[in-house]
Amino acid sequence: MQAQNVQSKQVAQPLLQKGYSGQSVRLLQQLLASFGYKPIGSDGIFGDQTESRVKEFQSNNGLVKDGTVGQRTWDILINQIPTAD
């Protein structure tokens, strides 16, 4: 699997962190799964598993490993969507 660099867009996404829930969290979980980070399903709840995967993603992408999904984390998740070879 390789990252496809799609046309760079900066779409404002909400700040997400542990304890949050909703459609934005579900999108986050789906994007993490597309990169190979498997939270427990896409239930829309930002719990321990999602936080752990976010920190792993941040660490692997040169971001501050704080578990909070801010604009820089969103930018990488959205603009470098993995594709199958």
Protein backbone atom coordinates (compact mmCIF):
# COMPACT_ATOMS: atom_id res chain seq x y z
CA MET A 1 0.00 0.00 0.00
CA GLN A 2 1.35 3.43 -0.81
CA ALA A 3 0.14 6.88 0.10
CA GLN A 4 -1.50 8.77 -2.70
CA ASN A 5 -0.86 12.47 -2.48
CA VAL A 6 -4.16 13.93 -3.60
CA GLN A 7 -4.59 17.60 -4.38
CA SER A 8 -3.75 19.27 -1.10
CA LYS A 9 -6.79 20.68 0.59
CA GLN A 10 -7.02 22.35 3.92
CA VAL A 11 -10.54 21.67 5.02
CA ALA A 12 -11.28 22.81 8.54
CA GLN A 13 -12.00 19.79 10.70
CA PRO A 14 -12.97 19.84 14.35
CA LEU A 15 -10.44 19.33 17.12
CA LEU A 16 -10.97 15.80 18.45
CA GLN A 17 -9.74 14.12 21.60
CA LYS A 18 -10.57 11.30 23.97
CA GLY A 19 -14.15 11.52 25.21
CA TYR A 20 -15.58 13.03 22.03
CA SER A 21 -18.10 11.21 19.84
CA GLY A 22 -20.00 11.67 16.60
CA GLN A 23 -19.60 11.61 12.83
CA SER A 24 -16.22 13.35 12.85
CA VAL A 25 -14.84 10.67 15.18
CA ARG A 26 -16.28 7.97 12.91
CA LEU A 27 -14.52 9.61 9.92
CA LEU A 28 -11.28 9.74 11.91
CA GLN A 29 -11.57 6.03 12.73
CA GLN A 30 -12.23 5.15 9.09
CA LEU A 31 -9.25 7.20 7.91
CA LEU A 32 -6.97 5.60 10.52
CA ALA A 33 -8.14 2.17 9.37
CA SER A 34 -7.33 3.08 5.74
CA PHE A 35 -3.75 3.76 6.87
CA GLY A 36 -3.61 0.38 8.63
CA TYR A 37 -4.31 1.63 12.16
CA LYS A 38 -7.21 -0.47 13.37
CA PRO A 39 -9.29 1.06 16.16
CA ILE A 40 -12.04 -1.18 17.48
CA GLY A 41 -14.52 -0.58 14.68
CA SER A 42 -15.81 2.76 13.54
CA ASP A 43 -18.24 3.33 16.37
CA GLY A 44 -17.85 7.10 16.50
CA ILE A 45 -16.55 7.07 20.08
CA PHE A 46 -13.06 8.45 20.77
CA GLY A 47 -11.95 6.05 23.49
CA ASP A 48 -8.69 4.45 24.61
CA GLN A 49 -8.18 2.41 21.42
CA THR A 50 -8.72 5.39 19.12
CA GLU A 51 -6.43 7.56 21.22
CA SER A 52 -3.72 4.89 21.08
CA ARG A 53 -3.99 4.65 17.28
CA VAL A 54 -3.93 8.43 16.90
CA LYS A 55 -0.73 8.64 18.96
CA GLU A 56 0.84 5.87 16.87
CA PHE A 57 -0.16 7.66 13.65
CA GLN A 58 1.20 10.97 14.94
CA SER A 59 4.50 9.40 15.98
CA ASN A 60 4.91 7.69 12.60
CA ASN A 61 4.23 10.95 10.75
CA GLY A 62 6.53 13.31 12.64
CA LEU A 63 3.74 15.00 14.58
CA VAL A 64 3.48 15.81 18.27
CA LYS A 65 2.30 12.55 19.87
CA ASP A 66 -0.45 13.98 22.08
CA GLY A 67 -3.51 11.97 21.01
CA THR A 68 -5.39 15.13 20.06
CA VAL A 69 -6.45 15.39 16.43
CA GLY A 70 -5.85 18.95 15.32
CA GLN A 71 -5.44 20.51 11.89
CA ARG A 72 -1.95 19.09 11.18
CA THR A 73 -3.10 15.53 11.91
CA TRP A 74 -6.24 16.02 9.80
CA ASP A 75 -4.17 17.41 6.92
CA ILE A 76 -2.04 14.27 6.71
CA LEU A 77 -5.02 11.94 7.16
CA ILE A 78 -7.01 13.63 4.40
CA ASN A 79 -4.28 14.58 1.93
CA GLN A 80 -2.29 11.33 1.89
CA ILE A 81 -4.98 8.71 1.40
CA PRO A 82 -3.45 5.22 0.98
CA THR A 83 -4.23 3.23 -2.15
CA ALA A 84 -3.74 -0.45 -2.94
CA ASP A 85 -0.88 -1.26 -5.32
